[in-house]
PDB file of all heavy atoms in Angstrom:
ATOM      1  N   ILE A   1      11.988 139.661-214.472  1.00  0.00           N
ATOM      2  CA  ILE A   1      12.847 139.124-213.301  1.00  0.00           C
ATOM      3  C   ILE A   1      13.600 137.962-213.658  1.00  0.00           C
ATOM      4  O   ILE A   1      14.773 137.875-213.195  1.00  0.00           O
ATOM      5  CB  ILE A   1      11.816 138.938-212.048  1.00  0.00           C
ATOM      6  CG1 ILE A   1      11.233 140.234-211.577  1.00  0.00           C
ATOM      7  CG2 ILE A   1      12.596 138.193-211.066  1.00  0.00           C
ATOM      8  CD1 ILE A   1      10.192 140.081-210.468  1.00  0.00           C
ATOM      9  N   HIS A   2      13.094 136.951-214.274  1.00  0.00           N
ATOM     10  CA  HIS A   2      13.774 135.708-214.594  1.00  0.00           C
ATOM     11  C   HIS A   2      14.385 135.577-215.925  1.00  0.00           C
ATOM     12  O   HIS A   2      14.793 134.505-216.370  1.00  0.00           O
ATOM     13  CB  HIS A   2      12.771 134.465-214.252  1.00  0.00           C
ATOM     14  CG  HIS A   2      12.303 134.410-212.909  1.00  0.00           C
ATOM     15  ND1 HIS A   2      13.165 134.234-211.817  1.00  0.00           N
ATOM     16  CD2 HIS A   2      11.014 134.586-212.379  1.00  0.00           C
ATOM     17  CE1 HIS A   2      12.356 134.333-210.652  1.00  0.00           C
ATOM     18  NE2 HIS A   2      11.110 134.405-211.130  1.00  0.00           N
ATOM     19  N   GLY A   3      14.348 136.715-216.728  1.00  0.00           N
ATOM     20  CA  GLY A   3      14.926 136.656-218.059  1.00  0.00           C
ATOM     21  C   GLY A   3      14.201 135.736-219.072  1.00  0.00           C
ATOM     22  O   GLY A   3      15.004 135.076-219.891  1.00  0.00           O
ATOM     23  N   LYS A   4      12.966 135.509-218.930  1.00  0.00           N
ATOM     24  CA  LYS A   4      12.206 134.668-219.893  1.00  0.00           C
ATOM     25  C   LYS A   4      11.634 135.472-221.042  1.00  0.00           C
ATOM     26  O   LYS A   4      11.557 136.698-220.870  1.00  0.00           O
ATOM     27  CB  LYS A   4      11.225 133.881-219.172  1.00  0.00           C
ATOM     28  CG  LYS A   4      11.716 132.905-218.162  1.00  0.00           C
ATOM     29  CD  LYS A   4      12.293 131.714-218.990  1.00  0.00           C
ATOM     30  CE  LYS A   4      12.528 130.484-217.996  1.00  0.00           C
ATOM     31  NZ  LYS A   4      11.414 129.697-217.898  1.00  0.00           N
ATOM     32  N   ALA A   5      11.067 134.797-221.994  1.00  0.00           N
ATOM     33  CA  ALA A   5      10.462 135.505-223.183  1.00  0.00           C
ATOM     34  C   ALA A   5       9.203 134.797-223.464  1.00  0.00           C
ATOM     35  O   ALA A   5       8.795 134.491-224.672  1.00  0.00           O
ATOM     36  CB  ALA A   5      11.297 135.559-224.394  1.00  0.00           C
ATOM     37  N   ILE A   6       8.275 134.500-222.428  1.00  0.00           N
ATOM     38  CA  ILE A   6       7.037 133.792-222.568  1.00  0.00           C
ATOM     39  C   ILE A   6       6.057 134.897-223.241  1.00  0.00           C
ATOM     40  O   ILE A   6       5.852 135.825-222.687  1.00  0.00           O
ATOM     41  CB  ILE A   6       6.495 133.104-221.421  1.00  0.00           C
ATOM     42  CG1 ILE A   6       7.532 132.080-220.857  1.00  0.00           C
ATOM     43  CG2 ILE A   6       5.111 132.562-221.461  1.00  0.00           C
ATOM     44  CD1 ILE A   6       7.295 131.525-219.484  1.00  0.00           C
ATOM     45  N   LYS A   7       5.408 134.423-224.334  1.00  0.00           N
ATOM     46  CA  LYS A   7       4.522 135.366-225.005  1.00  0.00           C
ATOM     47  C   LYS A   7       3.054 135.300-224.588  1.00  0.00           C
ATOM     48  O   LYS A   7       2.366 136.352-224.657  1.00  0.00           O
ATOM     49  CB  LYS A   7       4.594 135.055-226.510  1.00  0.00           C
ATOM     50  CG  LYS A   7       6.056 135.378-227.118  1.00  0.00           C
ATOM     51  CD  LYS A   7       6.052 135.140-228.498  1.00  0.00           C
ATOM     52  CE  LYS A   7       7.471 135.294-229.121  1.00  0.00           C
ATOM     53  NZ  LYS A   7       7.484 135.036-230.547  1.00  0.00           N
ATOM     54  N   ARG A   8       2.529 134.144-224.233  1.00  0.00           N
ATOM     55  CA  ARG A   8       1.077 134.045-223.823  1.00  0.00           C
ATOM     56  C   ARG A   8       0.767 132.936-223.049  1.00  0.00           C
ATOM     57  O   ARG A   8       1.571 132.083-222.779  1.00  0.00           O
ATOM     58  CB  ARG A   8       0.184 133.986-225.218  1.00  0.00           C
ATOM     59  CG  ARG A   8       0.415 132.671-225.990  1.00  0.00           C
ATOM     60  CD  ARG A   8      -0.317 132.671-227.278  1.00  0.00           C
ATOM     61  NE  ARG A   8      -0.303 131.396-227.899  1.00  0.00           N
ATOM     62  CZ  ARG A   8      -1.206 130.404-227.792  1.00  0.00           C
ATOM     63  NH1 ARG A   8      -2.176 130.571-226.889  1.00  0.00           N
ATOM     64  NH2 ARG A   8      -1.022 129.324-228.429  1.00  0.00           N
ATOM     65  N   ILE A   9      -0.493 132.910-222.612  1.00  0.00           N
ATOM     66  CA  ILE A   9      -0.973 131.778-221.822  1.00  0.00           C
ATOM     67  C   ILE A   9      -2.005 130.975-222.611  1.00  0.00           C
ATOM     68  O   ILE A   9      -2.922 131.665-223.228  1.00  0.00           O
ATOM     69  CB  ILE A   9      -1.666 132.386-220.510  1.00  0.00           C
ATOM     70  CG1 ILE A   9      -0.720 133.318-219.657  1.00  0.00           C
ATOM     71  CG2 ILE A   9      -2.096 131.215-219.584  1.00  0.00           C
ATOM     72  CD1 ILE A   9      -1.360 134.040-218.656  1.00  0.00           C
ATOM     73  N   SER A  10      -1.918 129.731-222.618  1.00  0.00           N
ATOM     74  CA  SER A  10      -2.859 128.879-223.460  1.00  0.00           C
ATOM     75  C   SER A  10      -4.224 128.980-222.990  1.00  0.00           C
ATOM     76  O   SER A  10      -4.470 129.252-221.738  1.00  0.00           O
ATOM     77  CB  SER A  10      -2.360 127.503-223.565  1.00  0.00           C
ATOM     78  OG  SER A  10      -2.624 126.777-222.278  1.00  0.00           O
ATOM     79  N   THR A  11      -5.153 128.652-223.847  1.00  0.00           N
ATOM     80  CA  THR A  11      -6.590 128.704-223.570  1.00  0.00           C
ATOM     81  C   THR A  11      -6.930 127.740-222.377  1.00  0.00           C
ATOM     82  O   THR A  11      -7.624 128.109-221.355  1.00  0.00           O
ATOM     83  CB  THR A  11      -7.522 128.446-224.785  1.00  0.00           C
ATOM     84  OG1 THR A  11      -7.275 129.492-225.733  1.00  0.00           O
ATOM     85  CG2 THR A  11      -8.955 128.450-224.386  1.00  0.00           C
ATOM     86  N   PRO A  12      -6.441 126.397-222.531  1.00  0.00           N
ATOM     87  CA  PRO A  12      -6.705 125.566-221.351  1.00  0.00           C
ATOM     88  C   PRO A  12      -6.232 126.144-220.019  1.00  0.00           C
ATOM     89  O   PRO A  12      -6.769 125.892-219.010  1.00  0.00           O
ATOM     90  CB  PRO A  12      -6.116 124.192-221.814  1.00  0.00           C
ATOM     91  CG  PRO A  12      -6.062 124.271-223.272  1.00  0.00           C
ATOM     92  CD  PRO A  12      -5.794 125.713-223.649  1.00  0.00           C
ATOM     93  N   ALA A  13      -5.017 126.624-219.996  1.00  0.00           N
ATOM     94  CA  ALA A  13      -4.485 127.089-218.731  1.00  0.00           C
ATOM     95  C   ALA A  13      -5.387 128.341-218.246  1.00  0.00           C
ATOM     96  O   ALA A  13      -5.654 128.401-217.032  1.00  0.00           O
ATOM     97  CB  ALA A  13      -3.124 127.727-219.007  1.00  0.00           C
ATOM     98  N   ILE A  14      -5.919 129.213-219.084  1.00  0.00           N
ATOM     99  CA  ILE A  14      -6.770 130.268-218.778  1.00  0.00           C
ATOM    100  C   ILE A  14      -8.183 129.708-218.138  1.00  0.00           C
ATOM    101  O   ILE A  14      -8.607 130.156-217.074  1.00  0.00           O
ATOM    102  CB  ILE A  14      -7.045 131.197-219.901  1.00  0.00           C
ATOM    103  CG1 ILE A  14      -5.860 132.030-220.199  1.00  0.00           C
ATOM    104  CG2 ILE A  14      -8.211 132.171-219.595  1.00  0.00           C
ATOM    105  CD1 ILE A  14      -6.016 133.018-221.303  1.00  0.00           C
ATOM    106  N   ASN A  15      -8.582 128.651-218.843  1.00  0.00           N
ATOM    107  CA  ASN A  15      -9.823 127.971-218.359  1.00  0.00           C
ATOM    108  C   ASN A  15      -9.696 127.412-216.922  1.00  0.00           C
ATOM    109  O   ASN A  15     -10.506 127.564-216.092  1.00  0.00           O
ATOM    110  CB  ASN A  15     -10.295 126.966-219.313  1.00  0.00           C
ATOM    111  CG  ASN A  15     -10.708 127.389-220.693  1.00  0.00           C
ATOM    112  OD1 ASN A  15     -11.076 128.593-220.687  1.00  0.00           O
ATOM    113  ND2 ASN A  15     -10.771 126.586-221.681  1.00  0.00           N
ATOM    114  N   MET A  16      -8.475 126.836-216.741  1.00  0.00           N
ATOM    115  CA  MET A  16      -8.226 126.308-215.401  1.00  0.00           C
ATOM    116  C   MET A  16      -8.142 127.448-214.232  1.00  0.00           C
ATOM    117  O   MET A  16      -8.604 127.274-213.236  1.00  0.00           O
ATOM    118  CB  MET A  16      -6.881 125.579-215.379  1.00  0.00           C
ATOM    119  CG  MET A  16      -6.897 124.298-216.239  1.00  0.00           C
ATOM    120  SD  MET A  16      -5.302 123.554-216.557  1.00  0.00           S
ATOM    121  CE  MET A  16      -4.715 123.087-214.894  1.00  0.00           C
ATOM    122  N   MET A  17      -7.509 128.539-214.672  1.00  0.00           N
ATOM    123  CA  MET A  17      -7.505 129.666-213.734  1.00  0.00           C
ATOM    124  C   MET A  17      -8.793 130.245-213.462  1.00  0.00           C
ATOM    125  O   MET A  17      -9.021 130.677-212.333  1.00  0.00           O
ATOM    126  CB  MET A  17      -6.398 130.605-214.243  1.00  0.00           C
ATOM    127  CG  MET A  17      -4.976 130.273-214.232  1.00  0.00           C
ATOM    128  SD  MET A  17      -3.767 131.627-214.477  1.00  0.00           S
ATOM    129  CE  MET A  17      -4.022 131.848-216.270  1.00  0.00           C
ATOM    130  N   MET A  18      -9.707 130.331-214.522  1.00  0.00           N
ATOM    131  CA  MET A  18     -10.947 130.919-214.358  1.00  0.00           C
ATOM    132  C   MET A  18     -11.893 130.005-213.582  1.00  0.00           C
ATOM    133  O   MET A  18     -12.800 130.456-212.790  1.00  0.00           O
ATOM    134  CB  MET A  18     -11.567 131.167-215.731  1.00  0.00           C
ATOM    135  CG  MET A  18     -10.824 132.053-216.667  1.00  0.00           C
ATOM    136  SD  MET A  18     -10.664 133.798-215.947  1.00  0.00           S
ATOM    137  CE  MET A  18     -12.263 134.384-216.442  1.00  0.00           C
ATOM    138  N   ALA A  19     -11.572 128.567-213.628  1.00  0.00           N
ATOM    139  CA  ALA A  19     -12.413 127.816-212.827  1.00  0.00           C
ATOM    140  C   ALA A  19     -11.969 127.611-211.381  1.00  0.00           C
ATOM    141  O   ALA A  19     -12.807 127.179-210.536  1.00  0.00           O
ATOM    142  CB  ALA A  19     -12.382 126.366-213.508  1.00  0.00           C
ATOM    143  N   TYR A  20     -10.721 127.959-211.175  1.00  0.00           N
ATOM    144  CA  TYR A  20     -10.325 127.776-209.743  1.00  0.00           C
ATOM    145  C   TYR A  20     -10.795 128.801-208.703  1.00  0.00           C
ATOM    146  O   TYR A  20     -11.181 129.930-209.193  1.00  0.00           O
ATOM    147  CB  TYR A  20      -8.689 127.846-209.770  1.00  0.00           C
ATOM    148  CG  TYR A  20      -8.057 127.578-208.514  1.00  0.00           C
ATOM    149  CD1 TYR A  20      -8.175 126.258-207.819  1.00  0.00           C
ATOM    150  CD2 TYR A  20      -7.107 128.475-207.911  1.00  0.00           C
ATOM    151  CE1 TYR A  20      -7.641 126.124-206.583  1.00  0.00           C
ATOM    152  CE2 TYR A  20      -6.450 128.288-206.762  1.00  0.00           C
ATOM    153  CZ  TYR A  20      -6.631 127.056-206.140  1.00  0.00           C
ATOM    154  OH  TYR A  20      -5.946 126.757-204.905  1.00  0.00           O
ATOM    155  N   HIS A  21     -10.923 128.476-207.479  1.00  0.00           N
ATOM    156  CA  HIS A  21     -11.604 129.408-206.430  1.00  0.00           C
ATOM    157  C   HIS A  21     -10.728 130.347-205.789  1.00  0.00           C
ATOM    158  O   HIS A  21     -11.071 131.296-205.115  1.00  0.00           O
ATOM    159  CB  HIS A  21     -12.433 128.584-205.527  1.00  0.00           C
ATOM    160  CG  HIS A  21     -11.502 127.624-204.645  1.00  0.00           C
ATOM    161  ND1 HIS A  21     -10.947 126.382-205.170  1.00  0.00           N
ATOM    162  CD2 HIS A  21     -11.257 127.706-203.358  1.00  0.00           C
ATOM    163  CE1 HIS A  21     -10.277 125.799-204.230  1.00  0.00           C
ATOM    164  NE2 HIS A  21     -10.342 126.523-203.133  1.00  0.00           N
ATOM    165  N   TRP A  22      -9.344 130.128-205.999  1.00  0.00           N
ATOM    166  CA  TRP A  22      -8.436 131.165-205.497  1.00  0.00           C
ATOM    167  C   TRP A  22      -8.516 131.471-204.065  1.00  0.00           C
ATOM    168  O   TRP A  22      -8.786 132.733-203.583  1.00  0.00           O
ATOM    169  CB  TRP A  22      -8.339 132.557-206.359  1.00  0.00           C
ATOM    170  CG  TRP A  22      -8.001 132.187-207.709  1.00  0.00           C
ATOM    171  CD1 TRP A  22      -8.776 132.222-208.872  1.00  0.00           C
ATOM    172  CD2 TRP A  22      -6.644 131.809-208.163  1.00  0.00           C
ATOM    173  NE1 TRP A  22      -8.241 131.818-210.007  1.00  0.00           N
ATOM    174  CE2 TRP A  22      -6.822 131.551-209.640  1.00  0.00           C
ATOM    175  CE3 TRP A  22      -5.407 131.547-207.709  1.00  0.00           C
ATOM    176  CZ2 TRP A  22      -5.784 131.214-210.470  1.00  0.00           C
ATOM    177  CZ3 TRP A  22      -4.367 131.060-208.479  1.00  0.00           C
ATOM    178  CH2 TRP A  22      -4.563 130.954-209.816  1.00  0.00           C
ATOM    179  N   PRO A  23      -8.341 130.536-203.036  1.00  0.00           N
ATOM    180  CA  PRO A  23      -8.445 130.956-201.623  1.00  0.00           C
ATOM    181  C   PRO A  23      -7.435 131.893-201.200  1.00  0.00           C
ATOM    182  O   PRO A  23      -7.571 132.603-200.233  1.00  0.00           O
ATOM    183  CB  PRO A  23      -8.413 129.565-200.908  1.00  0.00           C
ATOM    184  CG  PRO A  23      -7.733 128.602-201.950  1.00  0.00           C
ATOM    185  CD  PRO A  23      -8.034 129.180-203.255  1.00  0.00           C
ATOM    186  N   GLY A  24      -6.254 131.943-201.858  1.00  0.00           N
ATOM    187  CA  GLY A  24      -5.237 132.853-201.558  1.00  0.00           C
ATOM    188  C   GLY A  24      -5.235 134.170-202.286  1.00  0.00           C
ATOM    189  O   GLY A  24      -4.334 135.066-202.163  1.00  0.00           O
ATOM    190  N   ASN A  25      -6.241 134.274-203.104  1.00  0.00           N
ATOM    191  CA  ASN A  25      -6.490 135.526-203.821  1.00  0.00           C
ATOM    192  C   ASN A  25      -5.385 135.968-204.685  1.00  0.00           C
ATOM    193  O   ASN A  25      -4.702 135.099-205.276  1.00  0.00           O
ATOM    194  CB  ASN A  25      -6.881 136.600-202.780  1.00  0.00           C
ATOM    195  CG  ASN A  25      -8.229 136.339-202.102  1.00  0.00           C
ATOM    196  OD1 ASN A  25      -9.284 136.318-202.772  1.00  0.00           O
ATOM    197  ND2 ASN A  25      -8.289 136.107-200.836  1.00  0.00           N
ATOM    198  N   VAL A  26      -5.088 137.248-204.868  1.00  0.00           N
ATOM    199  CA  VAL A  26      -4.147 137.766-205.882  1.00  0.00           C
ATOM    200  C   VAL A  26      -2.779 137.273-205.541  1.00  0.00           C
ATOM    201  O   VAL A  26      -1.918 136.947-206.383  1.00  0.00           O
ATOM    202  CB  VAL A  26      -4.167 139.344-205.927  1.00  0.00           C
ATOM    203  CG1 VAL A  26      -3.192 139.805-206.974  1.00  0.00           C
ATOM    204  CG2 VAL A  26      -5.653 139.776-206.273  1.00  0.00           C
ATOM    205  N   ARG A  27      -2.448 137.213-204.285  1.00  0.00           N
ATOM    206  CA  ARG A  27      -1.144 136.721-203.921  1.00  0.00           C
ATOM    207  C   ARG A  27      -0.832 135.305-204.366  1.00  0.00           C
ATOM    208  O   ARG A  27       0.198 134.930-204.940  1.00  0.00           O
ATOM    209  CB  ARG A  27      -1.002 136.595-202.385  1.00  0.00           C
ATOM    210  CG  ARG A  27       0.488 136.428-201.855  1.00  0.00           C
ATOM    211  CD  ARG A  27       0.598 136.308-200.330  1.00  0.00           C
ATOM    212  NE  ARG A  27       0.407 137.706-199.777  1.00  0.00           N
ATOM    213  CZ  ARG A  27      -0.530 137.956-198.951  1.00  0.00           C
ATOM    214  NH1 ARG A  27      -1.399 137.054-198.508  1.00  0.00           N
ATOM    215  NH2 ARG A  27      -0.651 139.298-198.512  1.00  0.00           N
ATOM    216  N   GLU A  28      -1.927 134.398-204.336  1.00  0.00           N
ATOM    217  CA  GLU A  28      -1.788 133.032-204.868  1.00  0.00           C
ATOM    218  C   GLU A  28      -1.581 133.076-206.325  1.00  0.00           C
ATOM    219  O   GLU A  28      -0.875 132.243-206.844  1.00  0.00           O
ATOM    220  CB  GLU A  28      -3.063 132.279-204.361  1.00  0.00           C
ATOM    221  CG  GLU A  28      -2.929 130.729-204.828  1.00  0.00           C
ATOM    222  CD  GLU A  28      -4.078 129.897-204.397  1.00  0.00           C
ATOM    223  OE1 GLU A  28      -5.206 130.547-203.973  1.00  0.00           O
ATOM    224  OE2 GLU A  28      -4.119 128.689-204.505  1.00  0.00           O
ATOM    225  N   LEU A  29      -2.415 133.927-207.014  1.00  0.00           N
ATOM    226  CA  LEU A  29      -2.293 133.965-208.364  1.00  0.00           C
ATOM    227  C   LEU A  29      -0.894 134.432-208.820  1.00  0.00           C
ATOM    228  O   LEU A  29      -0.285 133.913-209.840  1.00  0.00           O
ATOM    229  CB  LEU A  29      -3.301 134.913-209.023  1.00  0.00           C
ATOM    230  CG  LEU A  29      -3.266 135.193-210.618  1.00  0.00           C
ATOM    231  CD1 LEU A  29      -3.480 134.000-211.360  1.00  0.00           C
ATOM    232  CD2 LEU A  29      -4.382 136.222-210.908  1.00  0.00           C
ATOM    233  N   GLU A  30      -0.355 135.391-208.108  1.00  0.00           N
ATOM    234  CA  GLU A  30       1.124 135.774-208.497  1.00  0.00           C
ATOM    235  C   GLU A  30       2.083 134.718-208.287  1.00  0.00           C
ATOM    236  O   GLU A  30       2.908 134.418-209.105  1.00  0.00           O
ATOM    237  CB  GLU A  30       1.410 137.056-207.533  1.00  0.00           C
ATOM    238  CG  GLU A  30       2.818 137.614-207.797  1.00  0.00           C
ATOM    239  CD  GLU A  30       3.142 138.819-207.051  1.00  0.00           C
ATOM    240  OE1 GLU A  30       2.252 139.188-206.189  1.00  0.00           O
ATOM    241  OE2 GLU A  30       4.188 139.259-207.237  1.00  0.00           O
ATOM    242  N   ASN A  31       1.959 133.846-207.061  1.00  0.00           N
ATOM    243  CA  ASN A  31       2.753 132.740-206.919  1.00  0.00           C
ATOM    244  C   ASN A  31       2.674 131.779-208.065  1.00  0.00           C
ATOM    245  O   ASN A  31       3.636 131.154-208.547  1.00  0.00           O
ATOM    246  CB  ASN A  31       2.611 132.262-205.634  1.00  0.00           C
ATOM    247  CG  ASN A  31       3.012 133.165-204.434  1.00  0.00           C
ATOM    248  OD1 ASN A  31       3.705 134.101-204.600  1.00  0.00           O
ATOM    249  ND2 ASN A  31       2.387 132.873-203.195  1.00  0.00           N
ATOM    250  N   CYS A  32       1.382 131.487-208.388  1.00  0.00           N
ATOM    251  CA  CYS A  32       1.053 130.581-209.424  1.00  0.00           C
ATOM    252  C   CYS A  32       1.744 130.906-210.715  1.00  0.00           C
ATOM    253  O   CYS A  32       2.417 130.124-211.425  1.00  0.00           O
ATOM    254  CB  CYS A  32      -0.405 130.450-209.625  1.00  0.00           C
ATOM    255  SG  CYS A  32      -1.040 129.653-211.080  1.00  0.00           S
ATOM    256  N   MET A  33       1.727 132.206-211.206  1.00  0.00           N
ATOM    257  CA  MET A  33       2.285 132.766-212.343  1.00  0.00           C
ATOM    258  C   MET A  33       3.826 132.693-212.356  1.00  0.00           C
ATOM    259  O   MET A  33       4.533 132.372-213.348  1.00  0.00           O
ATOM    260  CB  MET A  33       1.808 134.168-212.764  1.00  0.00           C
ATOM    261  CG  MET A  33       0.359 134.244-213.143  1.00  0.00           C
ATOM    262  SD  MET A  33      -0.040 133.148-214.556  1.00  0.00           S
ATOM    263  CE  MET A  33       1.142 133.776-215.754  1.00  0.00           C
ATOM    264  N   GLU A  34       4.446 132.974-211.182  1.00  0.00           N
ATOM    265  CA  GLU A  34       6.004 132.903-211.137  1.00  0.00           C
ATOM    266  C   GLU A  34       6.295 131.517-211.281  1.00  0.00           C
ATOM    267  O   GLU A  34       7.436 131.231-211.984  1.00  0.00           O
ATOM    268  CB  GLU A  34       6.355 133.484-209.764  1.00  0.00           C
ATOM    269  CG  GLU A  34       7.870 133.365-209.601  1.00  0.00           C
ATOM    270  CD  GLU A  34       8.404 134.091-208.458  1.00  0.00           C
ATOM    271  OE1 GLU A  34       7.669 134.314-207.464  1.00  0.00           O
ATOM    272  OE2 GLU A  34       9.671 134.455-208.324  1.00  0.00           O
ATOM    273  N   ARG A  35       5.593 130.475-210.685  1.00  0.00           N
ATOM    274  CA  ARG A  35       5.947 129.150-210.816  1.00  0.00           C
ATOM    275  C   ARG A  35       5.757 128.730-212.298  1.00  0.00           C
ATOM    276  O   ARG A  35       6.725 127.978-212.818  1.00  0.00           O
ATOM    277  CB  ARG A  35       4.938 128.246-209.949  1.00  0.00           C
ATOM    278  CG  ARG A  35       5.204 126.773-210.140  1.00  0.00           C
ATOM    279  CD  ARG A  35       4.097 126.002-209.424  1.00  0.00           C
ATOM    280  NE  ARG A  35       4.373 124.539-209.286  1.00  0.00           N
ATOM    281  CZ  ARG A  35       4.164 123.660-210.232  1.00  0.00           C
ATOM    282  NH1 ARG A  35       3.702 124.043-211.452  1.00  0.00           N
ATOM    283  NH2 ARG A  35       4.534 122.381-210.021  1.00  0.00           N
TER     284      ARG A  35
END
């Protein structure tokens, strides 16, 4: 959508996402990834 070429998500970023409780569920994760 935004014409980017990002290849991967770093391990610390994944750890942060795994530790978070996601009150907004999948919609919040989608917004988080777009940001």
